[in-house]
Protein backbone atom coordinates (compact mmCIF):
# COMPACT_ATOMS: atom_id res chain seq x y z
CA MET A 1 0.00 0.00 0.00
CA PRO A 2 1.68 3.24 -1.06
CA THR A 3 2.26 5.96 1.48
CA VAL A 4 0.15 9.08 0.97
CA ILE A 5 1.88 12.40 1.64
CA GLU A 6 -0.64 15.07 2.50
CA PRO A 7 1.03 18.47 3.01
CA PRO A 8 -1.55 20.36 5.09
CA THR A 9 -3.50 23.11 3.38
CA SER A 10 -6.00 24.93 5.47
CA ALA A 11 -8.12 27.04 3.20
CA ALA A 12 -9.27 27.72 -0.28
CA THR A 13 -8.07 29.73 -3.20
CA PRO A 14 -9.85 33.09 -2.77
CA GLY A 15 -13.49 32.41 -3.53
CA ARG A 16 -12.98 28.70 -4.23
CA PRO A 17 -12.96 25.50 -2.11
CA ALA A 18 -9.59 24.04 -1.22
CA PRO A 19 -8.67 20.86 -3.14
CA ALA A 20 -7.26 17.86 -1.35
CA ILE A 21 -3.50 17.83 -1.85
CA SER A 22 -2.03 14.36 -1.79
CA SER A 23 0.15 12.06 -3.83
CA PRO A 24 1.25 8.47 -4.00
CA ALA A 25 4.77 7.98 -2.73
CA GLY A 26 6.85 5.10 -1.55
CA PRO A 27 9.75 3.98 0.60
CA SER A 28 12.87 6.07 0.49
CA THR A 29 15.40 5.12 -2.18
CA ALA A 30 18.91 6.40 -2.72
CA ALA A 31 19.61 6.88 -6.40
CA ALA A 32 18.86 9.45 -9.05
CA ILE A 33 16.97 8.17 -12.07
CA PRO A 34 18.40 9.17 -15.45
CA THR A 35 15.78 8.99 -18.18
CA SER A 36 17.58 6.04 -19.77
CA VAL A 37 16.97 3.92 -16.65
CA PRO A 38 13.66 2.10 -16.12
CA TYR A 39 11.37 3.85 -13.68
CA PRO A 40 11.62 2.27 -10.19
CA THR A 41 8.30 1.26 -8.69
CA PRO A 42 9.16 2.37 -5.10
CA LEU A 43 8.67 5.99 -6.20
CA GLY A 44 5.19 5.35 -7.58
CA ARG A 45 3.98 5.05 -11.14
CA GLU A 46 5.59 6.67 -14.15
CA VAL A 47 3.29 9.23 -15.78
CA PRO A 48 4.71 10.31 -19.16
CA SER A 49 3.62 13.41 -21.06
CA PRO A 50 1.39 14.84 -22.33
CA TRP A 51 -0.52 15.88 -19.25
CA THR A 52 -3.99 17.42 -19.06
CA LEU A 53 -4.36 19.66 -16.02
CA LYS A 54 -6.86 22.08 -14.56
CA GLY A 55 -6.58 24.64 -11.80
CA ASP A 56 -6.07 28.29 -10.82
CA ALA A 57 -2.89 30.02 -12.02
CA TYR A 58 -1.62 33.28 -10.51
CA TRP A 59 0.93 35.32 -12.46
CA PHE A 60 2.98 38.19 -11.03
CA PHE A 61 5.74 40.15 -12.68
CA PRO A 62 8.93 41.31 -10.90
CA SER A 63 9.79 45.00 -11.06
CA PRO A 64 12.97 45.81 -13.01
CA THR A 65 16.07 46.26 -10.88
CA LEU A 66 18.47 47.26 -13.67
CA LEU A 67 18.60 50.23 -15.99
CA PRO A 68 17.48 49.47 -19.58
CA TRP A 69 21.02 49.71 -20.93
CA SER A 70 22.53 47.49 -18.22
CA PRO A 71 23.56 43.93 -19.13
CA PRO A 72 21.03 41.29 -18.00
CA GLU A 73 21.80 39.81 -14.61
CA LEU A 74 20.16 36.99 -12.68
CA PRO A 75 18.96 37.91 -9.18
CA GLU A 76 20.27 36.21 -6.05
CA GLY A 77 18.44 32.95 -5.47
CA ALA A 78 17.51 32.47 -9.14
CA TYR A 79 18.99 28.95 -8.94
CA GLN A 80 19.14 26.33 -6.25
CA ALA A 81 22.63 26.61 -4.75
CA THR A 82 23.60 23.07 -5.83
CA ALA A 83 22.46 23.72 -9.41
CA ALA A 84 23.91 27.19 -10.01
CA THR A 85 27.37 26.08 -11.18
CA SER A 86 26.16 23.47 -13.66
CA ALA A 87 23.51 25.86 -14.99
CA GLU A 88 26.17 28.28 -16.20
CA ARG A 89 27.20 25.92 -19.00
CA HIS A 90 23.68 25.63 -20.37
CA GLY A 91 23.40 28.95 -22.16
CA ARG A 92 23.85 32.64 -21.44
CA PHE A 93 21.06 34.55 -19.72
CA VAL A 94 19.80 37.25 -22.09
CA GLY A 95 17.04 38.81 -19.98
CA GLY A 96 13.46 39.50 -20.98
CA LEU A 97 10.13 39.37 -19.20
CA ALA A 98 10.34 37.55 -15.87
CA ASN A 99 7.37 36.11 -14.03
CA ILE A 100 6.37 34.31 -10.84
CA GLN A 101 3.61 31.72 -11.05
CA LEU A 102 1.59 30.19 -8.23
CA VAL A 103 -0.70 27.38 -9.38
CA ARG A 104 -3.30 25.18 -7.62
CA TYR A 105 -3.91 22.16 -9.85
CA THR A 106 -7.26 20.60 -8.94
CA GLU A 107 -6.94 17.95 -11.66
CA SER A 108 -3.80 16.25 -12.96
CA PRO A 109 -2.56 12.76 -13.88
CA VAL A 110 -0.63 12.70 -10.57
CA TRP A 111 -3.40 13.92 -8.22
CA PRO A 112 -4.05 17.56 -7.24
CA TYR A 113 -0.98 19.56 -6.26
CA ASP A 114 0.30 23.10 -5.70
CA GLU A 115 3.19 24.76 -7.52
CA LEU A 116 5.39 27.85 -7.19
CA LEU A 117 7.85 28.71 -9.95
CA TYR A 118 10.15 31.46 -11.20
CA VAL A 119 11.02 32.28 -14.81
CA PRO A 120 13.78 34.96 -14.85
CA GLY A 121 13.54 35.48 -18.61
CA SER A 122 15.22 33.93 -21.63
CA PHE A 123 18.44 31.96 -22.16
CA GLU A 124 20.40 31.02 -25.25
CA MET A 125 19.46 27.67 -26.77
CA PRO A 126 21.62 25.02 -28.45
CA ALA A 127 21.63 25.18 -32.24
CA GLY A 128 18.79 23.18 -33.75
CA LEU A 129 16.63 22.93 -30.66
CA GLY A 130 12.99 22.85 -31.70
CA ASP A 131 13.90 23.09 -35.40
CA GLY A 132 13.78 19.34 -35.97
CA ASP A 133 17.41 19.03 -37.05
CA GLY A 134 18.93 18.08 -33.71
CA ASP A 135 22.19 19.21 -32.17
CA ASP A 136 24.84 20.47 -34.54
CA GLY A 137 27.37 18.15 -32.88
CA GLY A 138 29.85 20.92 -32.27
CA GLY A 139 28.47 22.29 -29.05
CA ARG A 140 27.58 25.57 -30.80
CA ARG A 141 24.73 27.78 -29.63
CA SER A 142 22.09 29.27 -31.88
CA ASN A 143 21.24 32.95 -31.82
CA LYS A 144 17.79 32.08 -30.50
CA ALA A 145 16.63 32.33 -26.92
CA ALA A 146 13.76 30.84 -24.94
CA LEU A 147 12.23 31.02 -21.49
CA ARG A 148 13.48 28.74 -18.70
CA ILE A 149 12.23 27.81 -15.25
CA THR A 150 15.08 28.08 -12.75
CA ARG A 151 13.26 27.62 -9.41
CA ILE A 152 10.15 25.54 -8.86
CA TYR A 153 8.47 23.85 -5.91
CA VAL A 154 5.53 21.46 -5.86
CA SER A 155 3.54 19.87 -3.04
CA THR A 156 3.76 16.20 -4.05
CA LEU A 157 6.52 13.70 -4.76
CA ALA A 158 4.72 12.33 -7.83
CA SER A 159 4.77 15.75 -9.49
CA THR A 160 8.41 16.27 -8.49
CA VAL A 161 9.69 13.03 -10.02
CA ASN A 162 7.57 13.01 -13.18
CA GLY A 163 8.04 16.72 -13.91
CA ARG A 164 11.81 16.31 -13.77
CA ARG A 165 11.77 13.16 -15.86
CA ASN A 166 9.32 14.35 -18.53
CA TRP A 167 10.42 17.93 -19.13
CA ASN A 168 13.68 18.60 -17.20
CA ILE A 169 11.72 20.89 -14.89
CA PRO A 170 13.89 21.22 -11.72
CA LYS A 171 11.05 20.56 -9.26
CA ARG A 172 11.59 20.20 -5.52
CA LEU A 173 9.18 19.21 -2.81
CA ALA A 174 7.71 21.86 -0.48
CA ARG A 175 4.74 22.32 1.82
CA PHE A 176 2.06 24.81 0.79
CA ALA A 177 -0.39 26.47 3.18
CA PHE A 178 -3.43 28.50 2.08
CA ASP A 179 -4.97 30.32 5.07
CA PRO A 180 -7.78 32.90 5.01
CA VAL A 181 -6.73 36.21 6.51
CA ASP A 182 -10.19 36.36 8.06
CA PRO A 183 -11.57 32.83 8.69
CA ALA A 184 -15.09 34.27 8.62
CA LYS A 185 -14.60 35.40 5.01
CA LEU A 186 -13.43 32.47 2.91
CA SER A 187 -13.88 34.50 -0.28
CA GLY A 188 -11.62 37.28 1.01
CA PRO A 189 -7.82 37.61 1.09
CA THR A 190 -5.79 34.43 1.46
CA ARG A 191 -2.27 34.09 2.85
CA VAL A 192 -0.15 31.63 0.86
CA SER A 193 3.04 30.33 2.48
CA VAL A 194 5.58 27.83 1.10
CA PHE A 195 7.93 25.83 3.34
CA ALA A 196 11.13 24.12 2.14
CA CYS A 197 11.62 20.37 2.50
CA LEU A 198 14.54 19.62 4.84
CA SER A 199 14.80 15.85 4.37
CA ASN A 200 14.91 13.25 1.62
CA ALA A 201 11.88 14.03 -0.54
CA ALA A 202 11.15 10.32 -1.06
CA SER A 203 10.72 9.76 2.67
CA GLY A 204 7.26 8.71 3.75
CA SER A 205 7.35 11.53 6.33
CA PRO A 206 9.42 14.42 4.92
CA ALA A 207 10.36 17.22 7.32
CA PHE A 208 9.67 20.83 6.41
CA ALA A 209 11.12 24.13 7.61
CA PRO A 210 9.18 25.82 10.44
CA GLU A 211 9.27 29.20 8.66
CA PRO A 212 8.27 29.86 5.04
CA PHE A 213 10.69 31.11 2.41
CA PHE A 214 7.78 32.57 0.41
CA SER A 215 4.61 34.21 1.68
CA VAL A 216 2.04 36.44 -0.02
CA ILE A 217 -1.48 37.68 0.67
CA LEU A 218 -3.72 37.29 -2.38
CA THR A 219 -6.74 39.58 -2.68
CA PRO A 220 -9.14 39.05 -5.58
CA SER A 221 -10.06 42.15 -7.55
CA ILE A 222 -13.66 43.34 -7.75
CA LEU A 223 -13.21 43.80 -11.49
CA PRO A 224 -15.04 41.27 -13.68
CA SER A 225 -13.19 38.39 -15.31
CA PHE A 226 -12.62 38.11 -19.05
CA PRO A 227 -11.79 35.14 -21.30
CA LEU A 228 -8.13 34.87 -22.25
CA LYS A 229 -6.02 32.41 -24.22
CA SER A 230 -2.27 32.56 -23.73
CA GLN A 231 -1.78 32.07 -27.47
CA TYR A 232 -3.19 35.56 -27.98
CA LEU A 233 -0.54 37.15 -25.77
CA PRO A 234 2.37 38.84 -27.59
CA LEU A 235 4.74 36.40 -25.86
CA ASP A 236 6.55 33.23 -26.84
CA LEU A 237 5.80 30.93 -23.88
CA ARG A 238 7.96 28.03 -25.05
CA LEU A 239 10.17 26.66 -22.29
CA VAL A 240 13.54 25.13 -23.20
CA MET A 241 15.02 23.17 -20.31
CA PRO A 242 18.60 21.83 -20.02
CA PRO A 243 19.47 18.38 -18.62
CA LEU A 244 19.23 17.95 -14.85
CA ASP A 245 22.18 16.86 -12.75
CA ASP A 246 22.21 14.01 -10.25
CA GLU A 247 21.95 15.71 -6.87
CA THR A 248 21.85 12.62 -4.67
CA ALA A 249 25.32 13.46 -3.32
CA ALA A 250 23.67 16.43 -1.60
CA GLY A 251 21.24 14.09 0.12
CA HIS A 252 18.29 14.64 -2.18
CA GLU A 253 16.18 12.15 -4.10
CA LEU A 254 16.01 13.98 -7.44
CA VAL A 255 15.65 12.62 -10.96
CA GLY A 256 18.55 13.19 -13.35
CA THR A 257 18.10 13.59 -17.12
CA GLU A 258 20.37 13.40 -20.14
CA ARG A 259 18.88 15.45 -22.98
CA TRP A 260 17.44 18.91 -23.53
CA ALA A 261 13.66 19.22 -23.48
CA SER A 262 11.27 21.80 -24.90
CA LEU A 263 7.57 22.29 -24.20
CA THR A 264 4.97 24.95 -24.86
CA PRO A 265 2.19 25.38 -22.31
CA SER A 266 -1.09 26.82 -23.54
CA LEU A 267 -3.45 28.36 -20.99
CA VAL A 268 -7.16 28.94 -21.56
CA GLY A 269 -9.74 30.22 -19.08
CA PRO A 270 -11.42 33.21 -17.47
CA CYS A 271 -8.87 35.73 -16.24
CA ARG A 272 -9.07 38.64 -13.81
CA ALA A 273 -6.86 40.96 -11.80
CA VAL A 274 -5.53 39.96 -8.38
CA TRP A 275 -3.53 41.88 -5.78
CA GLY A 276 -0.48 40.44 -4.06
CA LYS A 277 1.26 41.73 -0.93
CA GLY A 278 4.41 40.23 0.59
CA ALA A 279 3.72 38.60 3.95
CA LEU A 280 7.04 37.29 5.27
CA THR A 281 7.74 38.12 8.91
CA GLY A 282 9.80 41.28 9.22
CA PRO A 283 9.87 44.76 7.68
CA GLY A 284 9.36 45.62 4.05
CA ASN A 285 6.42 43.43 2.99
CA ARG A 286 8.84 40.92 1.44
CA TRP A 287 7.52 38.05 -0.66
CA THR A 288 10.59 35.82 -0.32
CA ASP A 289 13.75 35.36 1.74
CA GLY A 290 16.06 35.65 -1.28
CA VAL A 291 17.50 32.17 -0.59
CA GLY A 292 14.76 29.62 -1.21
CA PHE A 293 13.34 31.89 -3.89
CA PRO A 294 14.70 35.08 -5.51
CA ASP A 295 13.74 38.36 -3.83
CA THR A 296 12.50 40.06 -6.99
CA LYS A 297 10.01 42.58 -5.54
CA PRO A 298 7.04 41.80 -7.80
CA TYR A 299 4.45 44.36 -8.79
CA SER A 300 1.40 44.09 -6.54
CA LEU A 301 -1.05 43.76 -9.44
CA GLY A 302 -1.13 40.38 -11.16
CA LEU A 303 -3.43 38.06 -13.09
CA VAL A 304 -5.26 34.90 -12.12
CA TRP A 305 -6.59 32.35 -14.59
CA GLU A 306 -9.46 30.53 -12.89
CA ASN A 307 -10.08 26.89 -13.82
CA VAL A 308 -7.26 27.25 -16.31
CA ARG A 309 -6.61 24.41 -18.73
CA PRO A 310 -2.97 24.02 -19.91
CA LEU A 311 -3.97 22.39 -23.17
CA SER A 312 -0.50 21.84 -24.60
CA CYS A 313 1.86 20.36 -22.03
CA ARG A 314 3.61 18.00 -24.42
CA PRO A 315 7.35 18.07 -25.06
CA ASP A 316 8.88 19.24 -28.31
CA LYS A 317 11.77 17.24 -29.72
CA GLY A 318 14.68 17.24 -27.26
CA VAL A 319 18.19 17.66 -28.64
CA GLY A 320 21.74 17.47 -27.42
CA GLU A 321 23.34 15.19 -24.88
CA ARG A 322 24.24 16.22 -21.37
CA GLY A 323 27.24 18.46 -21.22
């Protein structure tokens, strides 16, 4: 009988009931899983792409910290400390529109789960990626760039393992808490806090930090919603993700991969404005601690897709070996 990890969540998305957050997991193991290795049953079932998901997706945009003519620079905490060095060889950061996404998936192939992620902007891609002609064999980079997720946390082990394996998304386990600011008003502001996992993520009883590294108060706008498809936005949302390193030496149970991966999410659903206010303990209304997640000082006005459907979560052709 598989263990069920149920990170506690105590309230709903503003105006919506809280989904049950749970996931199949299994006994702790001690090896990373390159994509060329058969999927081990102790970690649960393998769930390949494409995935069909549904949920509420909050988008916020960090305020610029550099002058327009300054060279692009990643903020502190943009990468997990153990991944920062290896990430440098996977393409130069070229800047662009950054965003923070907080998602509550009520339906997914791996049970409902919560997600927090950071996209700092675009990075150079290997030559041939997404063009169907594969790697050029010489290690050369193209002059194209694409978005990349550099920090991401999810509330279940099943999402962590399969997201890394399917799309090279560097997911890590965390605990999410959704608490109404006023328990008498479930449709009012909600405090969202995210707590880092301190132990082996494959443990049946993972330990989490007592204090959150990310906390925000979400307040729904009184403005009416409007239908929106991400394909109509003047943005290229394609994500191009480099191979993931084996991090088991650091004491983590994280899936390693060997090839580049590319996917294009497509979001469809009613959209409306939402207000966000940093809620970490201490002065300054900070959203994050700058360690577990970059301290990017987002604008307070964001967007929320309600009952969003990511229709296209299938990988493009991956190219290039690890290296």
